[in-house]
């Protein structure tokens, strides 16, 4: 089955971030998006540990480990950027000051519910972080994840079986197979991996999909 690489996923998601947007990137796959932003657009990247104006990853050997994102990865600070107290960062997240947050997920539902923080596995450490704050505080919620689990099960489900992060909060889903809009009428496929057919995508997805 044709799939996008992680870099292709990140580049595709970056295309949908508009000029002038204030954007939070969650831990995991979303952190790659900053490396694929077009240089002709000004976008303000936020990290919940207290960064605004976050740039891409530095070259190997040029890391400043006092300057990291929420995933503890070294980043650069762009001209005009700032770092500040964690509490101020969460005030930005909760106060509706972010245009977009992009989160990873364990499951998403056809109705826009989101599960990001715990699978219920007995040896798993539940870590919700700031995801709940972002899911309700950001104006739009983008999710970036693999389309299926390692066992081949769809992560897009009729109803989430994992503890929820947010209810009816999602706007767009980016996976290695497709880009999907969450709408009142259902999940609408707006883009697919090159060479992938709609029927193949539907077979990999546990809920009905609509064509754009």
N, C-alpha and C. Protein backbone atom coordinates (compact mmCIF):
# COMPACT_ATOMS: atom_id res chain seq x y z
N UNK A 1 0.83 -1.20 0.00
CA UNK A 1 0.00 0.00 0.00
C UNK A 1 0.88 1.26 0.00
N UNK A 2 0.54 2.21 -0.85
CA UNK A 2 1.31 3.45 -0.94
C UNK A 2 1.11 4.29 0.32
N UNK A 3 2.21 4.79 0.86
CA UNK A 3 2.14 5.62 2.06
C UNK A 3 3.07 6.82 1.91
N UNK A 4 2.76 7.87 2.65
CA UNK A 4 3.66 9.01 2.74
C UNK A 4 4.70 8.75 3.82
N UNK A 5 5.91 9.24 3.61
CA UNK A 5 6.92 9.19 4.67
C UNK A 5 6.55 10.23 5.73
N UNK A 6 7.22 10.18 6.84
CA UNK A 6 6.94 11.16 7.90
C UNK A 6 7.27 12.58 7.44
N UNK A 7 8.33 12.73 6.66
CA UNK A 7 8.66 14.06 6.15
C UNK A 7 7.60 14.54 5.17
N UNK A 8 7.07 13.64 4.35
CA UNK A 8 6.00 14.02 3.43
C UNK A 8 4.73 14.41 4.18
N UNK A 9 4.44 13.69 5.26
CA UNK A 9 3.29 14.04 6.09
C UNK A 9 3.46 15.44 6.67
N UNK A 10 4.66 15.71 7.21
CA UNK A 10 4.92 17.01 7.82
C UNK A 10 4.85 18.13 6.80
N UNK A 11 5.38 17.88 5.61
CA UNK A 11 5.35 18.88 4.55
C UNK A 11 3.92 19.16 4.11
N UNK A 12 3.10 18.11 4.04
CA UNK A 12 1.70 18.29 3.63
C UNK A 12 0.93 19.09 4.68
N UNK A 13 1.16 18.80 5.94
CA UNK A 13 0.50 19.55 7.00
C UNK A 13 0.95 21.01 7.01
N UNK A 14 2.23 21.25 6.75
CA UNK A 14 2.77 22.61 6.74
C UNK A 14 2.10 23.46 5.67
N UNK A 15 1.71 22.85 4.57
CA UNK A 15 1.05 23.58 3.48
C UNK A 15 -0.25 24.24 3.92
N UNK A 16 -0.91 23.67 4.93
CA UNK A 16 -2.22 24.17 5.35
C UNK A 16 -2.14 25.20 6.47
N UNK A 17 -0.93 25.59 6.85
CA UNK A 17 -0.78 26.62 7.88
C UNK A 17 -0.70 27.98 7.20
N UNK A 18 -1.64 28.87 7.48
CA UNK A 18 -1.69 30.14 6.75
C UNK A 18 -0.69 31.17 7.26
N UNK A 19 -0.45 32.15 6.43
CA UNK A 19 0.41 33.29 6.78
C UNK A 19 -0.08 33.94 8.07
N UNK A 20 0.87 34.22 8.97
CA UNK A 20 0.57 34.95 10.19
C UNK A 20 -0.03 34.13 11.32
N UNK A 21 -0.16 32.81 11.14
CA UNK A 21 -0.79 31.98 12.16
C UNK A 21 0.13 31.76 13.35
N UNK A 22 -0.48 31.66 14.52
CA UNK A 22 0.21 31.26 15.75
C UNK A 22 -0.12 29.79 15.98
N UNK A 23 0.92 28.95 16.01
CA UNK A 23 0.72 27.50 15.93
C UNK A 23 1.52 26.78 17.01
N UNK A 24 0.85 25.89 17.72
CA UNK A 24 1.54 25.02 18.67
C UNK A 24 1.76 23.65 18.04
N UNK A 25 2.97 23.12 18.19
CA UNK A 25 3.29 21.78 17.71
C UNK A 25 3.45 20.84 18.89
N UNK A 26 2.67 19.79 18.92
CA UNK A 26 2.74 18.82 19.99
C UNK A 26 3.93 17.90 19.85
N UNK A 27 4.11 17.05 20.85
CA UNK A 27 5.23 16.10 20.89
C UNK A 27 5.03 15.02 19.84
N UNK A 28 6.14 14.53 19.29
CA UNK A 28 6.09 13.44 18.31
C UNK A 28 6.11 13.96 16.89
N UNK A 29 5.32 13.35 16.02
CA UNK A 29 5.30 13.71 14.61
C UNK A 29 5.10 15.20 14.35
N UNK A 30 4.23 15.89 15.08
CA UNK A 30 4.02 17.30 14.78
C UNK A 30 5.27 18.17 14.86
N UNK A 31 6.25 17.78 15.66
CA UNK A 31 7.46 18.61 15.79
C UNK A 31 8.21 18.73 14.47
N UNK A 32 7.96 17.82 13.53
CA UNK A 32 8.65 17.84 12.24
C UNK A 32 8.12 18.94 11.32
N UNK A 33 6.93 19.44 11.60
CA UNK A 33 6.29 20.40 10.70
C UNK A 33 7.10 21.67 10.55
N UNK A 34 7.71 22.12 11.63
CA UNK A 34 8.47 23.38 11.59
C UNK A 34 9.61 23.32 10.57
N UNK A 35 10.12 22.14 10.29
CA UNK A 35 11.21 21.98 9.33
C UNK A 35 10.75 22.09 7.88
N UNK A 36 9.43 22.16 7.66
CA UNK A 36 8.89 22.15 6.30
C UNK A 36 8.07 23.40 5.99
N UNK A 37 8.15 24.41 6.83
CA UNK A 37 7.40 25.63 6.56
C UNK A 37 8.04 26.42 5.43
N UNK A 38 7.22 26.97 4.57
CA UNK A 38 7.73 27.77 3.47
C UNK A 38 8.38 29.04 4.01
N UNK A 39 9.52 29.39 3.47
CA UNK A 39 10.25 30.56 3.94
C UNK A 39 9.60 31.87 3.49
N UNK A 40 8.65 31.80 2.57
CA UNK A 40 7.99 33.03 2.14
C UNK A 40 6.72 33.32 2.94
N UNK A 41 6.46 32.53 3.99
CA UNK A 41 5.33 32.80 4.88
C UNK A 41 5.84 33.00 6.30
N UNK A 42 5.30 34.00 6.99
CA UNK A 42 5.67 34.22 8.38
C UNK A 42 4.65 33.51 9.27
N UNK A 43 5.14 32.53 10.01
CA UNK A 43 4.31 31.76 10.93
C UNK A 43 4.99 31.77 12.29
N UNK A 44 4.21 31.91 13.35
CA UNK A 44 4.77 32.00 14.70
C UNK A 44 4.55 30.68 15.44
N UNK A 45 5.63 29.94 15.64
CA UNK A 45 5.54 28.63 16.27
C UNK A 45 5.70 28.73 17.79
N UNK A 46 4.78 28.05 18.48
CA UNK A 46 4.73 28.07 19.94
C UNK A 46 5.02 26.67 20.48
N UNK A 47 5.75 26.61 21.58
CA UNK A 47 5.97 25.34 22.27
C UNK A 47 5.54 25.51 23.72
N UNK A 48 4.81 24.52 24.24
CA UNK A 48 4.16 24.70 25.54
C UNK A 48 5.14 24.86 26.69
N UNK A 49 6.39 24.49 26.51
CA UNK A 49 7.35 24.68 27.59
C UNK A 49 7.85 26.12 27.67
N UNK A 50 7.34 27.01 26.79
CA UNK A 50 7.63 28.43 26.92
C UNK A 50 8.44 29.04 25.81
N UNK A 51 8.06 28.77 24.56
CA UNK A 51 8.75 29.35 23.41
C UNK A 51 7.73 29.93 22.44
N UNK A 52 8.04 31.08 21.89
CA UNK A 52 7.27 31.65 20.80
C UNK A 52 8.27 32.19 19.78
N UNK A 53 8.08 31.83 18.52
CA UNK A 53 9.08 32.15 17.51
C UNK A 53 10.09 31.04 17.36
N UNK A 54 9.62 29.80 17.58
CA UNK A 54 10.48 28.62 17.48
C UNK A 54 10.81 28.33 16.03
N UNK A 55 12.08 28.06 15.77
CA UNK A 55 12.52 27.73 14.43
C UNK A 55 12.77 26.25 14.27
N UNK A 56 13.35 25.85 13.15
CA UNK A 56 13.61 24.43 12.88
C UNK A 56 14.74 23.88 13.73
N UNK A 57 14.98 22.59 13.56
CA UNK A 57 16.07 21.94 14.29
C UNK A 57 17.42 22.47 13.80
N UNK A 58 18.37 22.69 14.71
CA UNK A 58 19.69 23.15 14.28
C UNK A 58 20.49 22.03 13.63
N UNK A 59 21.54 22.39 12.94
CA UNK A 59 22.42 21.39 12.34
C UNK A 59 23.12 20.59 13.44
N UNK A 60 23.46 19.37 13.13
CA UNK A 60 24.16 18.52 14.10
C UNK A 60 25.43 19.21 14.59
N UNK A 61 25.61 19.21 15.90
CA UNK A 61 26.77 19.84 16.50
C UNK A 61 26.56 21.29 16.88
N UNK A 62 25.42 21.87 16.45
CA UNK A 62 25.14 23.27 16.76
C UNK A 62 23.97 23.41 17.74
N UNK A 63 23.62 22.34 18.42
CA UNK A 63 22.51 22.37 19.36
C UNK A 63 22.85 23.19 20.60
N UNK A 64 21.87 23.92 21.09
CA UNK A 64 21.93 24.58 22.38
C UNK A 64 20.90 23.89 23.26
N UNK A 65 21.34 23.06 24.19
CA UNK A 65 20.41 22.23 24.95
C UNK A 65 19.68 22.99 26.04
N UNK A 66 19.91 24.30 26.12
CA UNK A 66 19.05 25.16 26.94
C UNK A 66 17.86 25.66 26.12
N UNK A 67 17.84 25.33 24.84
CA UNK A 67 16.78 25.78 23.94
C UNK A 67 16.15 24.55 23.30
N UNK A 68 15.06 24.06 23.90
CA UNK A 68 14.43 22.83 23.45
C UNK A 68 12.92 23.03 23.32
N UNK A 69 12.28 22.13 22.57
CA UNK A 69 10.83 22.15 22.47
C UNK A 69 10.22 21.24 23.54
N UNK A 70 8.91 21.07 23.51
CA UNK A 70 8.23 20.28 24.54
C UNK A 70 8.62 18.81 24.49
N UNK A 71 9.15 18.36 23.35
CA UNK A 71 9.61 16.99 23.23
C UNK A 71 11.08 16.81 23.58
N UNK A 72 11.69 17.85 24.15
CA UNK A 72 13.10 17.86 24.57
C UNK A 72 14.06 17.74 23.40
N UNK A 73 13.61 18.22 22.23
CA UNK A 73 14.46 18.26 21.04
C UNK A 73 15.05 19.66 20.90
N UNK A 74 16.29 19.74 20.49
CA UNK A 74 16.93 21.04 20.28
C UNK A 74 16.27 21.77 19.13
N UNK A 75 16.00 23.07 19.32
CA UNK A 75 15.41 23.90 18.28
C UNK A 75 16.18 25.22 18.21
N UNK A 76 15.85 26.02 17.22
CA UNK A 76 16.42 27.36 17.12
C UNK A 76 15.34 28.39 17.45
N UNK A 77 15.78 29.57 17.87
CA UNK A 77 14.87 30.67 18.13
C UNK A 77 15.05 31.69 17.02
N UNK A 78 13.97 32.00 16.32
CA UNK A 78 14.04 32.94 15.21
C UNK A 78 14.17 34.37 15.72
N UNK A 79 14.60 35.26 14.85
CA UNK A 79 14.72 36.67 15.20
C UNK A 79 13.38 37.20 15.69
N UNK A 80 13.38 37.82 16.87
CA UNK A 80 12.14 38.32 17.47
C UNK A 80 11.45 37.31 18.36
N UNK A 81 11.97 36.10 18.42
CA UNK A 81 11.38 35.06 19.26
C UNK A 81 11.65 35.31 20.74
N UNK A 82 10.94 34.58 21.59
CA UNK A 82 11.08 34.77 23.04
C UNK A 82 10.84 33.46 23.76
N UNK A 83 11.42 33.36 24.96
CA UNK A 83 11.08 32.25 25.83
C UNK A 83 10.68 32.81 27.19
N UNK A 84 9.81 32.09 27.89
CA UNK A 84 9.14 32.66 29.05
C UNK A 84 8.65 31.53 29.96
N UNK A 85 8.03 31.94 31.07
CA UNK A 85 7.58 30.99 32.10
C UNK A 85 6.51 30.04 31.56
N UNK A 86 6.55 28.83 32.07
CA UNK A 86 5.59 27.80 31.68
C UNK A 86 4.15 28.26 31.89
N UNK A 87 3.90 28.97 33.00
CA UNK A 87 2.54 29.44 33.30
C UNK A 87 2.05 30.42 32.25
N UNK A 88 2.94 31.30 31.76
CA UNK A 88 2.56 32.24 30.71
C UNK A 88 2.22 31.48 29.42
N UNK A 89 2.98 30.43 29.16
CA UNK A 89 2.73 29.62 27.98
C UNK A 89 1.35 28.98 28.03
N UNK A 90 0.98 28.46 29.19
CA UNK A 90 -0.33 27.83 29.33
C UNK A 90 -1.46 28.86 29.29
N UNK A 91 -1.18 30.08 29.71
CA UNK A 91 -2.18 31.14 29.57
C UNK A 91 -2.46 31.42 28.10
N UNK A 92 -1.42 31.38 27.27
CA UNK A 92 -1.61 31.55 25.84
C UNK A 92 -2.47 30.41 25.28
N UNK A 93 -2.19 29.18 25.72
CA UNK A 93 -2.90 28.01 25.23
C UNK A 93 -4.36 28.03 25.65
N UNK A 94 -4.61 28.35 26.91
CA UNK A 94 -5.98 28.30 27.44
C UNK A 94 -6.80 29.53 27.07
N UNK A 95 -6.12 30.61 26.72
CA UNK A 95 -6.81 31.86 26.50
C UNK A 95 -7.28 32.11 25.08
N UNK A 96 -7.15 31.12 24.21
CA UNK A 96 -7.63 31.27 22.84
C UNK A 96 -6.71 32.09 21.96
N UNK A 97 -5.43 32.14 22.30
CA UNK A 97 -4.48 32.97 21.55
C UNK A 97 -3.78 32.21 20.42
N UNK A 98 -3.98 30.90 20.35
CA UNK A 98 -3.36 30.09 19.30
C UNK A 98 -4.36 29.80 18.19
N UNK A 99 -3.94 30.02 16.96
CA UNK A 99 -4.81 29.75 15.83
C UNK A 99 -4.95 28.26 15.56
N UNK A 100 -3.85 27.53 15.71
CA UNK A 100 -3.82 26.10 15.38
C UNK A 100 -2.97 25.37 16.41
N UNK A 101 -3.40 24.21 16.83
CA UNK A 101 -2.49 23.28 17.50
C UNK A 101 -2.47 22.01 16.67
N UNK A 102 -1.31 21.40 16.61
CA UNK A 102 -1.15 20.15 15.87
C UNK A 102 -0.67 19.09 16.85
N UNK A 103 -1.49 18.06 17.04
CA UNK A 103 -1.24 17.04 18.05
C UNK A 103 -1.10 15.66 17.41
N UNK A 104 -0.34 14.80 18.06
CA UNK A 104 -0.35 13.39 17.73
C UNK A 104 -1.56 12.75 18.39
N UNK A 105 -1.85 11.50 18.07
CA UNK A 105 -3.02 10.84 18.66
C UNK A 105 -2.88 9.34 18.64
N UNK A 106 -3.52 8.70 19.64
CA UNK A 106 -3.65 7.24 19.64
C UNK A 106 -4.91 6.82 18.88
N UNK A 107 -5.97 7.63 19.01
CA UNK A 107 -7.23 7.36 18.33
C UNK A 107 -7.93 8.69 18.04
N UNK A 108 -8.70 8.72 16.96
CA UNK A 108 -9.63 9.81 16.71
C UNK A 108 -10.95 9.19 16.25
N UNK A 109 -12.05 9.87 16.54
CA UNK A 109 -13.35 9.32 16.17
C UNK A 109 -13.94 10.07 14.99
N UNK A 110 -14.95 9.47 14.39
CA UNK A 110 -15.62 10.06 13.24
C UNK A 110 -16.32 11.36 13.60
N UNK A 111 -16.59 11.56 14.89
CA UNK A 111 -17.28 12.78 15.34
C UNK A 111 -16.30 13.84 15.85
N UNK A 112 -15.01 13.62 15.67
CA UNK A 112 -14.03 14.62 16.06
C UNK A 112 -13.51 14.50 17.48
N UNK A 113 -13.82 13.39 18.15
CA UNK A 113 -13.25 13.17 19.48
C UNK A 113 -11.78 12.76 19.36
N UNK A 114 -11.01 13.07 20.38
CA UNK A 114 -9.56 12.91 20.32
C UNK A 114 -9.03 12.20 21.55
N UNK A 115 -8.18 11.19 21.35
CA UNK A 115 -7.53 10.47 22.46
C UNK A 115 -6.02 10.48 22.23
N UNK A 116 -5.29 11.17 23.10
CA UNK A 116 -3.87 11.38 22.86
C UNK A 116 -2.96 10.88 23.97
N UNK A 117 -3.50 10.55 25.13
CA UNK A 117 -2.60 10.48 26.29
C UNK A 117 -2.48 9.14 26.99
N UNK A 118 -3.34 8.18 26.72
CA UNK A 118 -3.25 6.92 27.46
C UNK A 118 -3.95 5.82 26.67
N UNK A 119 -3.27 4.68 26.51
CA UNK A 119 -3.86 3.55 25.80
C UNK A 119 -4.50 2.54 26.74
N UNK A 120 -4.31 2.73 28.04
CA UNK A 120 -4.84 1.78 28.99
C UNK A 120 -3.95 0.58 29.22
N UNK A 121 -2.82 0.51 28.51
CA UNK A 121 -1.88 -0.60 28.70
C UNK A 121 -1.36 -0.58 30.14
N UNK A 122 -1.24 -1.75 30.77
CA UNK A 122 -0.86 -1.78 32.19
C UNK A 122 0.52 -1.20 32.50
N UNK A 123 1.43 -1.23 31.53
CA UNK A 123 2.79 -0.72 31.77
C UNK A 123 2.98 0.70 31.22
N UNK A 124 1.90 1.29 30.69
CA UNK A 124 2.01 2.63 30.11
C UNK A 124 1.93 3.70 31.19
N UNK A 125 2.69 4.77 30.99
CA UNK A 125 2.64 5.90 31.90
C UNK A 125 1.75 6.97 31.28
N UNK A 126 0.58 7.25 31.86
CA UNK A 126 -0.32 8.25 31.26
C UNK A 126 0.25 9.66 31.42
N UNK A 127 0.44 10.34 30.31
CA UNK A 127 1.01 11.68 30.33
C UNK A 127 0.15 12.57 29.44
N UNK A 128 -0.73 13.36 30.04
CA UNK A 128 -1.61 14.19 29.23
C UNK A 128 -0.91 15.47 28.81
N UNK A 129 0.07 15.96 29.59
CA UNK A 129 0.76 17.18 29.23
C UNK A 129 -0.21 18.33 29.05
N UNK A 130 0.00 19.14 28.01
CA UNK A 130 -0.89 20.27 27.74
C UNK A 130 -1.92 19.99 26.68
N UNK A 131 -2.09 18.72 26.30
CA UNK A 131 -2.97 18.40 25.17
C UNK A 131 -4.42 18.81 25.42
N UNK A 132 -4.91 18.62 26.63
CA UNK A 132 -6.30 19.01 26.92
C UNK A 132 -6.47 20.51 26.81
N UNK A 133 -5.49 21.25 27.30
CA UNK A 133 -5.54 22.72 27.22
C UNK A 133 -5.56 23.16 25.76
N UNK A 134 -4.73 22.52 24.95
CA UNK A 134 -4.65 22.87 23.53
C UNK A 134 -5.93 22.49 22.79
N UNK A 135 -6.48 21.33 23.10
CA UNK A 135 -7.66 20.85 22.38
C UNK A 135 -8.85 21.78 22.56
N UNK A 136 -8.94 22.43 23.72
CA UNK A 136 -10.07 23.34 23.96
C UNK A 136 -9.69 24.80 23.75
N UNK A 137 -8.38 25.11 23.78
CA UNK A 137 -7.96 26.50 23.71
C UNK A 137 -7.62 27.00 22.33
N UNK A 138 -7.13 26.11 21.46
CA UNK A 138 -6.75 26.53 20.11
C UNK A 138 -7.99 26.70 19.24
N UNK A 139 -7.92 27.62 18.28
CA UNK A 139 -9.06 27.87 17.41
C UNK A 139 -9.31 26.71 16.46
N UNK A 140 -8.24 26.03 16.04
CA UNK A 140 -8.37 24.84 15.20
C UNK A 140 -7.42 23.76 15.72
N UNK A 141 -7.86 22.51 15.61
CA UNK A 141 -7.06 21.37 16.05
C UNK A 141 -6.76 20.47 14.86
N UNK A 142 -5.47 20.33 14.56
CA UNK A 142 -5.01 19.41 13.53
C UNK A 142 -4.40 18.19 14.23
N UNK A 143 -4.64 17.02 13.69
CA UNK A 143 -4.05 15.79 14.24
C UNK A 143 -3.15 15.17 13.18
N UNK A 144 -1.97 14.76 13.61
CA UNK A 144 -1.00 14.12 12.71
C UNK A 144 -0.58 12.79 13.32
N UNK A 145 -0.83 11.69 12.60
CA UNK A 145 -0.57 10.36 13.16
C UNK A 145 -0.46 9.33 12.04
N UNK A 146 0.05 8.17 12.37
CA UNK A 146 0.00 7.04 11.44
C UNK A 146 -1.47 6.61 11.31
N UNK A 147 -1.84 6.16 10.13
CA UNK A 147 -3.25 5.82 9.88
C UNK A 147 -3.68 4.58 10.65
N UNK A 148 -2.75 3.64 10.83
CA UNK A 148 -3.06 2.39 11.53
C UNK A 148 -2.03 2.11 12.61
N UNK A 149 -2.39 1.22 13.53
CA UNK A 149 -1.46 0.78 14.56
C UNK A 149 -0.44 -0.19 13.95
N UNK A 150 0.53 -0.59 14.74
CA UNK A 150 1.52 -1.56 14.27
C UNK A 150 0.86 -2.90 13.95
N UNK A 151 -0.31 -3.14 14.53
CA UNK A 151 -1.05 -4.38 14.25
C UNK A 151 -1.98 -4.23 13.06
N UNK A 152 -1.97 -3.05 12.42
CA UNK A 152 -2.79 -2.83 11.24
C UNK A 152 -4.21 -2.38 11.52
N UNK A 153 -4.52 -2.03 12.77
CA UNK A 153 -5.87 -1.59 13.12
C UNK A 153 -6.00 -0.08 12.88
N UNK A 154 -7.15 0.33 12.41
CA UNK A 154 -7.40 1.73 12.13
C UNK A 154 -7.37 2.56 13.41
N UNK A 155 -6.69 3.70 13.35
CA UNK A 155 -6.71 4.65 14.46
C UNK A 155 -7.90 5.61 14.35
N UNK A 156 -8.53 5.60 13.20
CA UNK A 156 -9.77 6.37 13.02
C UNK A 156 -10.92 5.41 13.27
N UNK A 157 -11.70 5.68 14.30
CA UNK A 157 -12.67 4.71 14.81
C UNK A 157 -14.05 5.35 14.96
N UNK A 158 -15.11 4.52 15.03
CA UNK A 158 -16.44 5.08 15.25
C UNK A 158 -16.55 5.82 16.58
N UNK A 159 -15.94 5.25 17.62
CA UNK A 159 -15.92 5.88 18.95
C UNK A 159 -14.62 5.50 19.64
N UNK A 160 -13.96 6.45 20.26
CA UNK A 160 -12.68 6.19 20.92
C UNK A 160 -12.87 5.24 22.10
N UNK A 161 -11.98 4.29 22.23
CA UNK A 161 -12.00 3.38 23.38
C UNK A 161 -10.95 3.77 24.41
N UNK A 162 -10.09 4.71 24.08
CA UNK A 162 -9.10 5.22 25.02
C UNK A 162 -9.64 6.47 25.71
N UNK A 163 -9.08 6.84 26.87
CA UNK A 163 -9.54 8.06 27.55
C UNK A 163 -9.42 9.28 26.65
N UNK A 164 -10.44 10.13 26.68
CA UNK A 164 -10.49 11.26 25.77
C UNK A 164 -9.65 12.44 26.23
N UNK A 165 -9.12 13.14 25.25
CA UNK A 165 -8.43 14.41 25.47
C UNK A 165 -9.39 15.57 25.20
N UNK A 166 -10.19 15.44 24.16
CA UNK A 166 -11.15 16.47 23.80
C UNK A 166 -12.33 15.87 23.07
N UNK A 167 -13.47 16.55 23.13
CA UNK A 167 -14.70 16.07 22.51
C UNK A 167 -15.08 16.98 21.35
N UNK A 168 -15.24 16.40 20.17
CA UNK A 168 -15.67 17.16 19.01
C UNK A 168 -14.78 18.34 18.69
N UNK A 169 -13.48 18.18 18.90
CA UNK A 169 -12.57 19.32 18.82
C UNK A 169 -11.74 19.37 17.54
N UNK A 170 -11.73 18.32 16.74
CA UNK A 170 -10.80 18.24 15.62
C UNK A 170 -11.34 18.89 14.35
N UNK A 171 -10.40 19.41 13.55
CA UNK A 171 -10.74 20.01 12.27
C UNK A 171 -10.15 19.23 11.08
N UNK A 172 -8.89 18.81 11.22
CA UNK A 172 -8.22 18.10 10.13
C UNK A 172 -7.40 16.94 10.69
N UNK A 173 -7.30 15.86 9.90
CA UNK A 173 -6.48 14.70 10.26
C UNK A 173 -5.47 14.49 9.15
N UNK A 174 -4.19 14.39 9.52
CA UNK A 174 -3.11 14.11 8.57
C UNK A 174 -2.50 12.76 8.94
N UNK A 175 -2.57 11.81 8.01
CA UNK A 175 -1.96 10.51 8.26
C UNK A 175 -1.00 10.18 7.12
N UNK A 176 -0.36 9.02 7.22
CA UNK A 176 0.54 8.59 6.15
C UNK A 176 -0.21 8.11 4.92
N UNK A 177 -1.55 8.05 5.01
CA UNK A 177 -2.36 7.65 3.86
C UNK A 177 -3.17 8.79 3.27
N UNK A 178 -3.59 9.74 4.10
CA UNK A 178 -4.54 10.73 3.59
C UNK A 178 -4.60 11.98 4.46
N UNK A 179 -5.22 13.01 3.89
CA UNK A 179 -5.62 14.22 4.62
C UNK A 179 -7.14 14.22 4.65
N UNK A 180 -7.70 14.34 5.85
CA UNK A 180 -9.13 14.18 6.03
C UNK A 180 -9.67 15.36 6.83
N UNK A 181 -10.75 15.96 6.33
CA UNK A 181 -11.43 17.02 7.05
C UNK A 181 -12.53 16.42 7.92
N UNK A 182 -12.64 16.93 9.15
CA UNK A 182 -13.72 16.51 10.05
C UNK A 182 -14.85 17.52 9.90
N UNK A 183 -15.98 17.07 9.37
CA UNK A 183 -17.10 17.96 9.08
C UNK A 183 -18.38 17.44 9.74
N UNK A 184 -19.41 18.29 9.84
CA UNK A 184 -20.68 17.83 10.41
C UNK A 184 -21.30 16.66 9.65
N UNK A 185 -21.01 16.54 8.36
CA UNK A 185 -21.60 15.45 7.59
C UNK A 185 -20.74 14.18 7.60
N UNK A 186 -19.53 14.26 8.16
CA UNK A 186 -18.66 13.09 8.24
C UNK A 186 -17.22 13.43 7.90
N UNK A 187 -16.43 12.40 7.69
CA UNK A 187 -15.00 12.56 7.39
C UNK A 187 -14.81 12.63 5.87
N UNK A 188 -14.27 13.76 5.42
CA UNK A 188 -14.14 14.03 3.99
C UNK A 188 -12.67 13.95 3.59
N UNK A 189 -12.36 13.09 2.63
CA UNK A 189 -10.99 12.91 2.16
C UNK A 189 -10.66 14.01 1.16
N UNK A 190 -9.64 14.80 1.46
CA UNK A 190 -9.26 15.90 0.56
C UNK A 190 -7.94 15.62 -0.16
N UNK A 191 -7.19 14.64 0.30
CA UNK A 191 -5.91 14.31 -0.35
C UNK A 191 -5.52 12.90 0.06
N UNK A 192 -4.76 12.22 -0.78
CA UNK A 192 -4.31 10.86 -0.48
C UNK A 192 -2.86 10.69 -0.90
N UNK A 193 -2.21 9.68 -0.33
CA UNK A 193 -0.85 9.34 -0.73
C UNK A 193 -0.84 8.98 -2.22
N UNK A 194 0.21 9.39 -2.90
CA UNK A 194 0.31 9.11 -4.33
C UNK A 194 0.26 7.61 -4.59
N UNK A 195 -0.60 7.22 -5.52
CA UNK A 195 -0.72 5.81 -5.88
C UNK A 195 -1.73 5.04 -5.06
N UNK A 196 -2.29 5.67 -4.03
CA UNK A 196 -3.28 5.00 -3.18
C UNK A 196 -4.68 5.22 -3.75
N UNK A 197 -5.48 4.17 -3.82
CA UNK A 197 -6.85 4.31 -4.30
C UNK A 197 -7.79 4.60 -3.13
N UNK A 198 -8.94 5.18 -3.46
CA UNK A 198 -9.93 5.47 -2.42
C UNK A 198 -10.40 4.17 -1.76
N UNK A 199 -10.56 3.12 -2.54
CA UNK A 199 -11.01 1.83 -1.97
C UNK A 199 -9.99 1.28 -0.99
N UNK A 200 -8.70 1.42 -1.30
CA UNK A 200 -7.65 0.96 -0.38
C UNK A 200 -7.69 1.75 0.92
N UNK A 201 -7.88 3.06 0.78
CA UNK A 201 -7.97 3.91 1.96
C UNK A 201 -9.17 3.52 2.81
N UNK A 202 -10.31 3.29 2.18
CA UNK A 202 -11.51 2.93 2.93
C UNK A 202 -11.31 1.60 3.67
N UNK A 203 -10.66 0.65 3.05
CA UNK A 203 -10.42 -0.65 3.70
C UNK A 203 -9.54 -0.51 4.94
N UNK A 204 -8.66 0.52 4.95
CA UNK A 204 -7.75 0.73 6.08
C UNK A 204 -8.38 1.59 7.18
N UNK A 205 -9.62 2.01 6.96
CA UNK A 205 -10.28 2.95 7.86
C UNK A 205 -11.56 2.33 8.42
N UNK A 206 -11.75 2.44 9.74
CA UNK A 206 -12.85 1.75 10.39
C UNK A 206 -14.17 2.51 10.35
N UNK A 207 -14.20 3.65 9.67
CA UNK A 207 -15.45 4.41 9.56
C UNK A 207 -15.64 4.80 8.09
N UNK A 208 -16.88 5.06 7.67
CA UNK A 208 -17.11 5.47 6.28
C UNK A 208 -16.44 6.81 5.97
N UNK A 209 -15.88 6.90 4.78
CA UNK A 209 -15.24 8.12 4.32
C UNK A 209 -16.03 8.71 3.16
N UNK A 210 -15.96 10.02 3.03
CA UNK A 210 -16.61 10.71 1.93
C UNK A 210 -15.56 11.31 1.01
N UNK A 211 -15.84 11.37 -0.27
CA UNK A 211 -14.95 12.02 -1.21
C UNK A 211 -15.21 13.53 -1.20
N UNK A 212 -14.15 14.29 -1.37
CA UNK A 212 -14.30 15.75 -1.41
C UNK A 212 -15.09 16.17 -2.63
